[in-house]
Amino acid sequence: MQKALVWLSYDLSVGGDYEGLYTFLDTLGAKECGDSLAFFEYEYKSDLESELKEEIREKVSLNKDDRIYIIATYYTQEGKKKFVAKFLYGKRKRPPWQGYAKVEYDDVLDIQE
């Protein structure tokens, strides 16, 4: 068995299976890292991403709008350190901070031929 350090961010829809997710995280001895973020050490056989995704699918009832994102660091079978950050379920959406930055635009349009 190999080990990985994993940060898991979750965004479950209204009525999401928090009980299943919390049971899964508690079983792993996960540490709380702020709202909807957990940290744990995960043991896997050969493919961290697919094995973790499968285990979550088996233990948590996910809806189409649920999102689970991981940031993990681990060593490959060849002994190389690897880093991954990706959605296991769901996808990126518009960030709530979009549009807050005050961006100045040049009013002069300089077209050169």
PDB file of N, CA and C in Angstrom:
ATOM      1  N   MET A   1       0.834  -1.185   0.000  1.00  0.00           N
ATOM      2  CA  MET A   1       0.000   0.000   0.000  1.00  0.00           C
ATOM      3  C   MET A   1       0.877   1.247   0.000  1.00  0.00           C
ATOM      4  N   GLN A   2       0.402   2.269  -0.704  1.00  0.00           N
ATOM      5  CA  GLN A   2       1.078   3.556  -0.754  1.00  0.00           C
ATOM      6  C   GLN A   2       0.212   4.578  -0.024  1.00  0.00           C
ATOM      7  N   LYS A   3       0.823   5.686   0.376  1.00  0.00           N
ATOM      8  CA  LYS A   3       0.093   6.717   1.107  1.00  0.00           C
ATOM      9  C   LYS A   3       0.178   8.045   0.389  1.00  0.00           C
ATOM     10  N   ALA A   4      -0.907   8.806   0.502  1.00  0.00           N
ATOM     11  CA  ALA A   4      -0.969  10.149  -0.071  1.00  0.00           C
ATOM     12  C   ALA A   4      -1.501  11.090   1.000  1.00  0.00           C
ATOM     13  N   LEU A   5      -1.073  12.352   0.928  1.00  0.00           N
ATOM     14  CA  LEU A   5      -1.640  13.405   1.759  1.00  0.00           C
ATOM     15  C   LEU A   5      -2.680  14.121   0.916  1.00  0.00           C
ATOM     16  N   VAL A   6      -3.914  14.195   1.410  1.00  0.00           N
ATOM     17  CA  VAL A   6      -5.030  14.698   0.605  1.00  0.00           C
ATOM     18  C   VAL A   6      -5.788  15.789   1.347  1.00  0.00           C
ATOM     19  N   TRP A   7      -6.031  16.887   0.664  1.00  0.00           N
ATOM     20  CA  TRP A   7      -6.970  17.912   1.104  1.00  0.00           C
ATOM     21  C   TRP A   7      -8.192  17.742   0.221  1.00  0.00           C
ATOM     22  N   LEU A   8      -9.360  17.620   0.820  1.00  0.00           N
ATOM     23  CA  LEU A   8     -10.592  17.402   0.084  1.00  0.00           C
ATOM     24  C   LEU A   8     -11.547  18.545   0.383  1.00  0.00           C
ATOM     25  N   SER A   9     -11.971  19.223  -0.674  1.00  0.00           N
ATOM     26  CA  SER A   9     -12.939  20.303  -0.570  1.00  0.00           C
ATOM     27  C   SER A   9     -14.270  19.788  -1.108  1.00  0.00           C
ATOM     28  N   TYR A  10     -15.343  20.048  -0.377  1.00  0.00           N
ATOM     29  CA  TYR A  10     -16.645  19.542  -0.803  1.00  0.00           C
ATOM     30  C   TYR A  10     -17.678  20.660  -0.831  1.00  0.00           C
ATOM     31  N   ASP A  11     -18.557  20.555  -1.804  1.00  0.00           N
ATOM     32  CA  ASP A  11     -19.652  21.506  -1.996  1.00  0.00           C
ATOM     33  C   ASP A  11     -20.857  20.669  -2.405  1.00  0.00           C
ATOM     34  N   LEU A  12     -21.622  20.232  -1.402  1.00  0.00           N
ATOM     35  CA  LEU A  12     -22.772  19.377  -1.681  1.00  0.00           C
ATOM     36  C   LEU A  12     -24.022  20.222  -1.834  1.00  0.00           C
ATOM     37  N   SER A  13     -24.906  19.772  -2.693  1.00  0.00           N
ATOM     38  CA  SER A  13     -26.154  20.491  -2.937  1.00  0.00           C
ATOM     39  C   SER A  13     -27.066  20.402  -1.716  1.00  0.00           C
ATOM     40  N   VAL A  14     -28.123  21.185  -1.716  1.00  0.00           N
ATOM     41  CA  VAL A  14     -29.110  21.137  -0.638  1.00  0.00           C
ATOM     42  C   VAL A  14     -29.636  19.703  -0.568  1.00  0.00           C
ATOM     43  N   GLY A  15     -29.634  19.147   0.611  1.00  0.00           N
ATOM     44  CA  GLY A  15     -30.076  17.765   0.774  1.00  0.00           C
ATOM     45  C   GLY A  15     -28.986  16.763   0.428  1.00  0.00           C
ATOM     46  N   GLY A  16     -27.748  17.247   0.268  1.00  0.00           N
ATOM     47  CA  GLY A  16     -26.634  16.366  -0.066  1.00  0.00           C
ATOM     48  C   GLY A  16     -26.375  15.350   1.043  1.00  0.00           C
ATOM     49  N   ASP A  17     -25.658  14.299   0.705  1.00  0.00           N
ATOM     50  CA  ASP A  17     -25.385  13.208   1.645  1.00  0.00           C
ATOM     51  C   ASP A  17     -24.221  13.564   2.569  1.00  0.00           C
ATOM     52  N   TYR A  18     -24.466  14.538   3.450  1.00  0.00           N
ATOM     53  CA  TYR A  18     -23.434  14.940   4.412  1.00  0.00           C
ATOM     54  C   TYR A  18     -23.124  13.806   5.376  1.00  0.00           C
ATOM     55  N   GLU A  19     -24.134  13.045   5.764  1.00  0.00           N
ATOM     56  CA  GLU A  19     -23.905  11.941   6.689  1.00  0.00           C
ATOM     57  C   GLU A  19     -22.936  10.922   6.084  1.00  0.00           C
ATOM     58  N   GLY A  20     -23.129  10.573   4.827  1.00  0.00           N
ATOM     59  CA  GLY A  20     -22.232   9.636   4.159  1.00  0.00           C
ATOM     60  C   GLY A  20     -20.824  10.200   4.031  1.00  0.00           C
ATOM     61  N   LEU A  21     -20.712  11.475   3.647  1.00  0.00           N
ATOM     62  CA  LEU A  21     -19.408  12.110   3.492  1.00  0.00           C
ATOM     63  C   LEU A  21     -18.704  12.236   4.840  1.00  0.00           C
ATOM     64  N   TYR A  22     -19.433  12.669   5.862  1.00  0.00           N
ATOM     65  CA  TYR A  22     -18.830  12.832   7.183  1.00  0.00           C
ATOM     66  C   TYR A  22     -18.403  11.488   7.769  1.00  0.00           C
ATOM     67  N   THR A  23     -19.177  10.431   7.526  1.00  0.00           N
ATOM     68  CA  THR A  23     -18.794   9.091   7.978  1.00  0.00           C
ATOM     69  C   THR A  23     -17.507   8.662   7.289  1.00  0.00           C
ATOM     70  N   PHE A  24     -17.426   8.900   5.978  1.00  0.00           N
ATOM     71  CA  PHE A  24     -16.227   8.573   5.205  1.00  0.00           C
ATOM     72  C   PHE A  24     -15.018   9.327   5.766  1.00  0.00           C
ATOM     73  N   LEU A  25     -15.149  10.627   5.990  1.00  0.00           N
ATOM     74  CA  LEU A  25     -14.047  11.437   6.501  1.00  0.00           C
ATOM     75  C   LEU A  25     -13.667  11.033   7.927  1.00  0.00           C
ATOM     76  N   ASP A  26     -14.648  10.740   8.752  1.00  0.00           N
ATOM     77  CA  ASP A  26     -14.377  10.345  10.134  1.00  0.00           C
ATOM     78  C   ASP A  26     -13.644   9.005  10.173  1.00  0.00           C
ATOM     79  N   THR A  27     -14.024   8.088   9.307  1.00  0.00           N
ATOM     80  CA  THR A  27     -13.364   6.783   9.226  1.00  0.00           C
ATOM     81  C   THR A  27     -11.889   6.943   8.880  1.00  0.00           C
ATOM     82  N   LEU A  28     -11.567   7.937   8.063  1.00  0.00           N
ATOM     83  CA  LEU A  28     -10.181   8.189   7.667  1.00  0.00           C
ATOM     84  C   LEU A  28      -9.407   8.986   8.725  1.00  0.00           C
ATOM     85  N   GLY A  29     -10.110   9.468   9.752  1.00  0.00           N
ATOM     86  CA  GLY A  29      -9.448  10.301  10.754  1.00  0.00           C
ATOM     87  C   GLY A  29      -9.113  11.675  10.219  1.00  0.00           C
ATOM     88  N   ALA A  30      -9.933  12.171   9.287  1.00  0.00           N
ATOM     89  CA  ALA A  30      -9.684  13.463   8.641  1.00  0.00           C
ATOM     90  C   ALA A  30      -9.696  14.601   9.654  1.00  0.00           C
ATOM     91  N   LYS A  31      -8.888  15.610   9.369  1.00  0.00           N
ATOM     92  CA  LYS A  31      -8.817  16.822  10.180  1.00  0.00           C
ATOM     93  C   LYS A  31      -9.612  17.929   9.497  1.00  0.00           C
ATOM     94  N   GLU A  32     -10.332  18.704  10.289  1.00  0.00           N
ATOM     95  CA  GLU A  32     -11.099  19.834   9.774  1.00  0.00           C
ATOM     96  C   GLU A  32     -10.140  20.979   9.468  1.00  0.00           C
ATOM     97  N   CYS A  33     -10.313  21.612   8.303  1.00  0.00           N
ATOM     98  CA  CYS A  33      -9.417  22.696   7.869  1.00  0.00           C
ATOM     99  C   CYS A  33     -10.196  23.935   7.457  1.00  0.00           C
ATOM    100  N   GLY A  34     -11.322  24.189   8.062  1.00  0.00           N
ATOM    101  CA  GLY A  34     -12.160  25.322   7.677  1.00  0.00           C
ATOM    102  C   GLY A  34     -13.423  24.815   7.013  1.00  0.00           C
ATOM    103  N   ASP A  35     -14.261  25.748   6.603  1.00  0.00           N
ATOM    104  CA  ASP A  35     -15.536  25.371   5.983  1.00  0.00           C
ATOM    105  C   ASP A  35     -15.322  24.479   4.762  1.00  0.00           C
ATOM    106  N   SER A  36     -15.903  23.308   4.804  1.00  0.00           N
ATOM    107  CA  SER A  36     -15.938  22.375   3.662  1.00  0.00           C
ATOM    108  C   SER A  36     -14.562  21.935   3.188  1.00  0.00           C
ATOM    109  N   LEU A  37     -13.601  21.847   4.100  1.00  0.00           N
ATOM    110  CA  LEU A  37     -12.256  21.402   3.736  1.00  0.00           C
ATOM    111  C   LEU A  37     -11.741  20.437   4.791  1.00  0.00           C
ATOM    112  N   ALA A  38     -11.229  19.296   4.333  1.00  0.00           N
ATOM    113  CA  ALA A  38     -10.705  18.270   5.233  1.00  0.00           C
ATOM    114  C   ALA A  38      -9.334  17.823   4.747  1.00  0.00           C
ATOM    115  N   PHE A  39      -8.518  17.334   5.681  1.00  0.00           N
ATOM    116  CA  PHE A  39      -7.193  16.824   5.369  1.00  0.00           C
ATOM    117  C   PHE A  39      -7.063  15.419   5.961  1.00  0.00           C
ATOM    118  N   PHE A  40      -6.486  14.496   5.174  1.00  0.00           N
ATOM    119  CA  PHE A  40      -6.286  13.137   5.672  1.00  0.00           C
ATOM    120  C   PHE A  40      -5.177  12.447   4.893  1.00  0.00           C
ATOM    121  N   GLU A  41      -4.697  11.368   5.491  1.00  0.00           N
ATOM    122  CA  GLU A  41      -3.732  10.494   4.821  1.00  0.00           C
ATOM    123  C   GLU A  41      -4.536   9.351   4.217  1.00  0.00           C
ATOM    124  N   TYR A  42      -4.288   9.049   2.957  1.00  0.00           N
ATOM    125  CA  TYR A  42      -5.079   8.036   2.262  1.00  0.00           C
ATOM    126  C   TYR A  42      -4.176   6.940   1.721  1.00  0.00           C
ATOM    127  N   GLU A  43      -4.533   5.708   2.009  1.00  0.00           N
ATOM    128  CA  GLU A  43      -3.788   4.558   1.491  1.00  0.00           C
ATOM    129  C   GLU A  43      -4.457   4.049   0.225  1.00  0.00           C
ATOM    130  N   TYR A  44      -3.641   3.783  -0.782  1.00  0.00           N
ATOM    131  CA  TYR A  44      -4.153   3.295  -2.060  1.00  0.00           C
ATOM    132  C   TYR A  44      -3.188   2.245  -2.603  1.00  0.00           C
ATOM    133  N   LYS A  45      -3.692   1.442  -3.551  1.00  0.00           N
ATOM    134  CA  LYS A  45      -2.873   0.362  -4.119  1.00  0.00           C
ATOM    135  C   LYS A  45      -1.986   0.847  -5.256  1.00  0.00           C
ATOM    136  N   SER A  46      -2.602   1.432  -6.302  1.00  0.00           N
ATOM    137  CA  SER A  46      -1.790   1.826  -7.453  1.00  0.00           C
ATOM    138  C   SER A  46      -2.197   3.144  -8.097  1.00  0.00           C
ATOM    139  N   ASP A  47      -3.477   3.535  -8.036  1.00  0.00           N
ATOM    140  CA  ASP A  47      -3.944   4.744  -8.706  1.00  0.00           C
ATOM    141  C   ASP A  47      -4.776   5.579  -7.727  1.00  0.00           C
ATOM    142  N   LEU A  48      -4.142   6.536  -7.108  1.00  0.00           N
ATOM    143  CA  LEU A  48      -4.789   7.354  -6.075  1.00  0.00           C
ATOM    144  C   LEU A  48      -6.120   7.924  -6.542  1.00  0.00           C
ATOM    145  N   GLU A  49      -6.117   8.616  -7.661  1.00  0.00           N
ATOM    146  CA  GLU A  49      -7.311   9.331  -8.100  1.00  0.00           C
ATOM    147  C   GLU A  49      -8.495   8.408  -8.340  1.00  0.00           C
ATOM    148  N   SER A  50      -8.288   7.341  -9.074  1.00  0.00           N
ATOM    149  CA  SER A  50      -9.409   6.446  -9.381  1.00  0.00           C
ATOM    150  C   SER A  50      -9.874   5.677  -8.152  1.00  0.00           C
ATOM    151  N   GLU A  51      -8.950   5.283  -7.285  1.00  0.00           N
ATOM    152  CA  GLU A  51      -9.338   4.543  -6.088  1.00  0.00           C
ATOM    153  C   GLU A  51     -10.097   5.423  -5.102  1.00  0.00           C
ATOM    154  N   LEU A  52      -9.655   6.656  -4.918  1.00  0.00           N
ATOM    155  CA  LEU A  52     -10.343   7.584  -4.032  1.00  0.00           C
ATOM    156  C   LEU A  52     -11.719   7.936  -4.592  1.00  0.00           C
ATOM    157  N   LYS A  53     -11.783   8.185  -5.877  1.00  0.00           N
ATOM    158  CA  LYS A  53     -13.060   8.501  -6.523  1.00  0.00           C
ATOM    159  C   LYS A  53     -14.054   7.351  -6.361  1.00  0.00           C
ATOM    160  N   GLU A  54     -13.592   6.140  -6.567  1.00  0.00           N
ATOM    161  CA  GLU A  54     -14.455   4.965  -6.448  1.00  0.00           C
ATOM    162  C   GLU A  54     -14.946   4.793  -5.003  1.00  0.00           C
ATOM    163  N   GLU A  55     -14.050   4.964  -4.040  1.00  0.00           N
ATOM    164  CA  GLU A  55     -14.449   4.803  -2.649  1.00  0.00           C
ATOM    165  C   GLU A  55     -15.477   5.849  -2.236  1.00  0.00           C
ATOM    166  N   ILE A  56     -15.289   7.079  -2.685  1.00  0.00           N
ATOM    167  CA  ILE A  56     -16.273   8.123  -2.393  1.00  0.00           C
ATOM    168  C   ILE A  56     -17.615   7.770  -3.022  1.00  0.00           C
ATOM    169  N   ARG A  57     -17.580   7.313  -4.276  1.00  0.00           N
ATOM    170  CA  ARG A  57     -18.831   6.945  -4.974  1.00  0.00           C
ATOM    171  C   ARG A  57     -19.573   5.837  -4.239  1.00  0.00           C
ATOM    172  N   GLU A  58     -18.829   4.890  -3.660  1.00  0.00           N
ATOM    173  CA  GLU A  58     -19.441   3.777  -2.930  1.00  0.00           C
ATOM    174  C   GLU A  58     -20.047   4.220  -1.596  1.00  0.00           C
ATOM    175  N   LYS A  59     -19.450   5.228  -0.957  1.00  0.00           N
ATOM    176  CA  LYS A  59     -19.848   5.589   0.403  1.00  0.00           C
ATOM    177  C   LYS A  59     -20.688   6.851   0.525  1.00  0.00           C
ATOM    178  N   VAL A  60     -20.747   7.635  -0.545  1.00  0.00           N
ATOM    179  CA  VAL A  60     -21.488   8.896  -0.510  1.00  0.00           C
ATOM    180  C   VAL A  60     -22.443   8.935  -1.697  1.00  0.00           C
ATOM    181  N   SER A  61     -23.716   9.221  -1.423  1.00  0.00           N
ATOM    182  CA  SER A  61     -24.690   9.369  -2.504  1.00  0.00           C
ATOM    183  C   SER A  61     -24.556  10.779  -3.066  1.00  0.00           C
ATOM    184  N   LEU A  62     -24.039  10.879  -4.285  1.00  0.00           N
ATOM    185  CA  LEU A  62     -23.798  12.192  -4.884  1.00  0.00           C
ATOM    186  C   LEU A  62     -24.895  12.575  -5.853  1.00  0.00           C
ATOM    187  N   ASN A  63     -25.241  13.855  -5.842  1.00  0.00           N
ATOM    188  CA  ASN A  63     -26.196  14.419  -6.799  1.00  0.00           C
ATOM    189  C   ASN A  63     -25.417  15.047  -7.947  1.00  0.00           C
ATOM    190  N   LYS A  64     -26.095  15.367  -9.027  1.00  0.00           N
ATOM    191  CA  LYS A  64     -25.412  15.909 -10.208  1.00  0.00           C
ATOM    192  C   LYS A  64     -24.733  17.250  -9.948  1.00  0.00           C
ATOM    193  N   ASP A  65     -25.198  18.013  -8.961  1.00  0.00           N
ATOM    194  CA  ASP A  65     -24.615  19.320  -8.670  1.00  0.00           C
ATOM    195  C   ASP A  65     -23.561  19.291  -7.562  1.00  0.00           C
ATOM    196  N   ASP A  66     -23.324  18.130  -6.964  1.00  0.00           N
ATOM    197  CA  ASP A  66     -22.316  18.021  -5.908  1.00  0.00           C
ATOM    198  C   ASP A  66     -20.921  18.131  -6.503  1.00  0.00           C
ATOM    199  N   ARG A  67     -20.012  18.729  -5.713  1.00  0.00           N
ATOM    200  CA  ARG A  67     -18.636  18.901  -6.184  1.00  0.00           C
ATOM    201  C   ARG A  67     -17.663  18.445  -5.110  1.00  0.00           C
ATOM    202  N   ILE A  68     -16.670  17.696  -5.540  1.00  0.00           N
ATOM    203  CA  ILE A  68     -15.593  17.270  -4.649  1.00  0.00           C
ATOM    204  C   ILE A  68     -14.282  17.508  -5.378  1.00  0.00           C
ATOM    205  N   TYR A  69     -13.420  18.274  -4.750  1.00  0.00           N
ATOM    206  CA  TYR A  69     -12.136  18.681  -5.322  1.00  0.00           C
ATOM    207  C   TYR A  69     -11.034  18.196  -4.389  1.00  0.00           C
ATOM    208  N   ILE A  70      -9.978  17.655  -4.967  1.00  0.00           N
ATOM    209  CA  ILE A  70      -8.853  17.217  -4.128  1.00  0.00           C
ATOM    210  C   ILE A  70      -7.568  17.926  -4.522  1.00  0.00           C
ATOM    211  N   ILE A  71      -6.731  18.087  -3.533  1.00  0.00           N
ATOM    212  CA  ILE A  71      -5.354  18.518  -3.712  1.00  0.00           C
ATOM    213  C   ILE A  71      -4.547  17.452  -2.987  1.00  0.00           C
ATOM    214  N   ALA A  72      -3.669  16.787  -3.693  1.00  0.00           N
ATOM    215  CA  ALA A  72      -2.952  15.663  -3.080  1.00  0.00           C
ATOM    216  C   ALA A  72      -1.493  15.648  -3.506  1.00  0.00           C
ATOM    217  N   THR A  73      -0.684  15.119  -2.625  1.00  0.00           N
ATOM    218  CA  THR A  73       0.719  14.897  -2.927  1.00  0.00           C
ATOM    219  C   THR A  73       1.051  13.461  -2.528  1.00  0.00           C
ATOM    220  N   TYR A  74       1.804  12.780  -3.398  1.00  0.00           N
ATOM    221  CA  TYR A  74       2.138  11.387  -3.150  1.00  0.00           C
ATOM    222  C   TYR A  74       3.312  10.978  -4.018  1.00  0.00           C
ATOM    223  N   TYR A  75       3.786   9.775  -3.790  1.00  0.00           N
ATOM    224  CA  TYR A  75       4.889   9.236  -4.590  1.00  0.00           C
ATOM    225  C   TYR A  75       4.353   8.164  -5.527  1.00  0.00           C
ATOM    226  N   THR A  76       4.815   8.171  -6.760  1.00  0.00           N
ATOM    227  CA  THR A  76       4.420   7.153  -7.718  1.00  0.00           C
ATOM    228  C   THR A  76       5.163   5.858  -7.404  1.00  0.00           C
ATOM    229  N   GLN A  77       4.796   4.789  -8.079  1.00  0.00           N
ATOM    230  CA  GLN A  77       5.484   3.513  -7.873  1.00  0.00           C
ATOM    231  C   GLN A  77       6.952   3.609  -8.263  1.00  0.00           C
ATOM    232  N   GLU A  78       7.281   4.554  -9.127  1.00  0.00           N
ATOM    233  CA  GLU A  78       8.666   4.765  -9.548  1.00  0.00           C
ATOM    234  C   GLU A  78       9.435   5.637  -8.560  1.00  0.00           C
ATOM    235  N   GLY A  79       8.760   6.082  -7.503  1.00  0.00           N
ATOM    236  CA  GLY A  79       9.414   6.888  -6.493  1.00  0.00           C
ATOM    237  C   GLY A  79       9.451   8.379  -6.785  1.00  0.00           C
ATOM    238  N   LYS A  80       8.727   8.817  -7.803  1.00  0.00           N
ATOM    239  CA  LYS A  80       8.683  10.244  -8.126  1.00  0.00           C
ATOM    240  C   LYS A  80       7.548  10.910  -7.368  1.00  0.00           C
ATOM    241  N   LYS A  81       7.837  12.097  -6.826  1.00  0.00           N
ATOM    242  CA  LYS A  81       6.815  12.842  -6.106  1.00  0.00           C
ATOM    243  C   LYS A  81       5.842  13.443  -7.113  1.00  0.00           C
ATOM    244  N   LYS A  82       4.545  13.309  -6.830  1.00  0.00           N
ATOM    245  CA  LYS A  82       3.519  13.816  -7.731  1.00  0.00           C
ATOM    246  C   LYS A  82       2.556  14.695  -6.943  1.00  0.00           C
ATOM    247  N   PHE A  83       2.021  15.691  -7.625  1.00  0.00           N
ATOM    248  CA  PHE A  83       1.059  16.626  -7.057  1.00  0.00           C
ATOM    249  C   PHE A  83      -0.138  16.674  -7.989  1.00  0.00           C
ATOM    250  N   VAL A  84      -1.336  16.596  -7.446  1.00  0.00           N
ATOM    251  CA  VAL A  84      -2.541  16.679  -8.263  1.00  0.00           C
ATOM    252  C   VAL A  84      -3.547  17.601  -7.582  1.00  0.00           C
ATOM    253  N   ALA A  85      -4.243  18.388  -8.382  1.00  0.00           N
ATOM    254  CA  ALA A  85      -5.320  19.249  -7.894  1.00  0.00           C
ATOM    255  C   ALA A  85      -6.411  19.203  -8.952  1.00  0.00           C
ATOM    256  N   LYS A  86      -7.553  18.599  -8.610  1.00  0.00           N
ATOM    257  CA  LYS A  86      -8.605  18.427  -9.618  1.00  0.00           C
ATOM    258  C   LYS A  86      -9.940  18.094  -8.983  1.00  0.00           C
ATOM    259  N   PHE A  87     -10.987  18.273  -9.761  1.00  0.00           N
ATOM    260  CA  PHE A  87     -12.314  17.849  -9.349  1.00  0.00           C
ATOM    261  C   PHE A  87     -12.433  16.347  -9.590  1.00  0.00           C
ATOM    262  N   LEU A  88     -12.818  15.610  -8.549  1.00  0.00           N
ATOM    263  CA  LEU A  88     -13.167  14.206  -8.730  1.00  0.00           C
ATOM    264  C   LEU A  88     -14.616  14.114  -9.188  1.00  0.00           C
ATOM    265  N   TYR A  89     -15.437  15.029  -8.670  1.00  0.00           N
ATOM    266  CA  TYR A  89     -16.852  15.115  -9.054  1.00  0.00           C
ATOM    267  C   TYR A  89     -17.197  16.587  -9.230  1.00  0.00           C
ATOM    268  N   GLY A  90     -17.961  16.881 -10.261  1.00  0.00           N
ATOM    269  CA  GLY A  90     -18.374  18.249 -10.522  1.00  0.00           C
ATOM    270  C   GLY A  90     -17.345  18.991 -11.349  1.00  0.00           C
ATOM    271  N   LYS A  91     -17.557  20.293 -11.431  1.00  0.00           N
ATOM    272  CA  LYS A  91     -16.658  21.129 -12.236  1.00  0.00           C
ATOM    273  C   LYS A  91     -16.616  22.536 -11.657  1.00  0.00           C
ATOM    274  N   ARG A  92     -15.689  23.316 -12.167  1.00  0.00           N
ATOM    275  CA  ARG A  92     -15.519  24.692 -11.725  1.00  0.00           C
ATOM    276  C   ARG A  92     -16.744  25.524 -12.133  1.00  0.00           C
ATOM    277  N   LYS A  93     -17.096  26.496 -11.274  1.00  0.00           N
ATOM    278  CA  LYS A  93     -18.179  27.418 -11.603  1.00  0.00           C
ATOM    279  C   LYS A  93     -17.702  28.842 -11.397  1.00  0.00           C
ATOM    280  N   ARG A  94     -18.517  29.800 -11.746  1.00  0.00           N
ATOM    281  CA  ARG A  94     -18.159  31.220 -11.615  1.00  0.00           C
ATOM    282  C   ARG A  94     -17.842  31.530 -10.164  1.00  0.00           C
ATOM    283  N   PRO A  95     -16.693  32.126  -9.885  1.00  0.00           N
ATOM    284  CA  PRO A  95     -16.336  32.439  -8.501  1.00  0.00           C
ATOM    285  C   PRO A  95     -17.155  33.612  -7.961  1.00  0.00           C
ATOM    286  N   PRO A  96     -17.495  33.589  -6.678  1.00  0.00           N
ATOM    287  CA  PRO A  96     -18.299  34.673  -6.102  1.00  0.00           C
ATOM    288  C   PRO A  96     -17.563  36.010  -6.066  1.00  0.00           C
ATOM    289  N   TRP A  97     -16.255  36.011  -6.216  1.00  0.00           N
ATOM    290  CA  TRP A  97     -15.481  37.268  -6.172  1.00  0.00           C
ATOM    291  C   TRP A  97     -15.327  37.902  -7.549  1.00  0.00           C
ATOM    292  N   GLN A  98     -15.803  37.236  -8.596  1.00  0.00           N
ATOM    293  CA  GLN A  98     -15.645  37.780  -9.937  1.00  0.00           C
ATOM    294  C   GLN A  98     -16.372  39.121 -10.051  1.00  0.00           C
ATOM    295  N   GLY A  99     -15.673  40.110 -10.570  1.00  0.00           N
ATOM    296  CA  GLY A  99     -16.238  41.436 -10.765  1.00  0.00           C
ATOM    297  C   GLY A  99     -15.922  42.419  -9.651  1.00  0.00           C
ATOM    298  N   TYR A 100     -15.278  41.983  -8.583  1.00  0.00           N
ATOM    299  CA  TYR A 100     -14.947  42.879  -7.480  1.00  0.00           C
ATOM    300  C   TYR A 100     -13.718  43.752  -7.752  1.00  0.00           C
ATOM    301  N   ALA A 101     -12.793  43.268  -8.561  1.00  0.00           N
ATOM    302  CA  ALA A 101     -11.569  44.032  -8.829  1.00  0.00           C
ATOM    303  C   ALA A 101     -11.906  45.279  -9.640  1.00  0.00           C
ATOM    304  N   LYS A 102     -11.276  46.349  -9.267  1.00  0.00           N
ATOM    305  CA  LYS A 102     -11.455  47.605 -10.001  1.00  0.00           C
ATOM    306  C   LYS A 102     -10.391  47.652 -11.089  1.00  0.00           C
ATOM    307  N   VAL A 103     -10.785  47.341 -12.285  1.00  0.00           N
ATOM    308  CA  VAL A 103      -9.852  47.307 -13.412  1.00  0.00           C
ATOM    309  C   VAL A 103     -10.043  48.574 -14.231  1.00  0.00           C
ATOM    310  N   GLU A 104      -8.955  49.259 -14.482  1.00  0.00           N
ATOM    311  CA  GLU A 104      -9.026  50.464 -15.296  1.00  0.00           C
ATOM    312  C   GLU A 104      -8.669  50.134 -16.740  1.00  0.00           C
ATOM    313  N   TYR A 105      -9.439  50.680 -17.640  1.00  0.00           N
ATOM    314  CA  TYR A 105      -9.181  50.471 -19.057  1.00  0.00           C
ATOM    315  C   TYR A 105      -8.791  51.802 -19.692  1.00  0.00           C
ATOM    316  N   ASP A 106      -7.914  51.727 -20.644  1.00  0.00           N
ATOM    317  CA  ASP A 106      -7.476  52.900 -21.380  1.00  0.00           C
ATOM    318  C   ASP A 106      -8.603  53.277 -22.344  1.00  0.00           C
ATOM    319  N   ASP A 107      -9.091  54.525 -22.257  1.00  0.00           N
ATOM    320  CA  ASP A 107     -10.188  54.957 -23.118  1.00  0.00           C
ATOM    321  C   ASP A 107      -9.726  55.257 -24.538  1.00  0.00           C
ATOM    322  N   VAL A 108      -8.436  55.357 -24.736  1.00  0.00           N
ATOM    323  CA  VAL A 108      -7.913  55.675 -26.066  1.00  0.00           C
ATOM    324  C   VAL A 108      -7.714  54.370 -26.832  1.00  0.00           C
ATOM    325  N   LEU A 109      -8.322  54.313 -27.989  1.00  0.00           N
ATOM    326  CA  LEU A 109      -8.161  53.139 -28.835  1.00  0.00           C
ATOM    327  C   LEU A 109      -7.132  53.480 -29.879  1.00  0.00           C
ATOM    328  N   ASP A 110      -5.991  52.846 -29.817  1.00  0.00           N
ATOM    329  CA  ASP A 110      -4.874  53.128 -30.715  1.00  0.00           C
ATOM    330  C   ASP A 110      -4.780  52.006 -31.735  1.00  0.00           C
ATOM    331  N   ILE A 111      -5.253  52.279 -32.942  1.00  0.00           N
ATOM    332  CA  ILE A 111      -5.199  51.290 -34.019  1.00  0.00           C
ATOM    333  C   ILE A 111      -4.124  51.685 -34.987  1.00  0.00           C
ATOM    334  N   GLN A 112      -3.202  50.789 -35.197  1.00  0.00           N
ATOM    335  CA  GLN A 112      -2.124  51.069 -36.133  1.00  0.00           C
ATOM    336  C   GLN A 112      -2.198  50.076 -37.283  1.00  0.00           C
ATOM    337  N   GLU A 113      -1.940  50.602 -38.470  1.00  0.00           N
ATOM    338  CA  GLU A 113      -1.975  49.738 -39.655  1.00  0.00           C
ATOM    339  C   GLU A 113      -0.600  49.409 -40.116  1.00  0.00           C
TER     340      GLU A 113
END
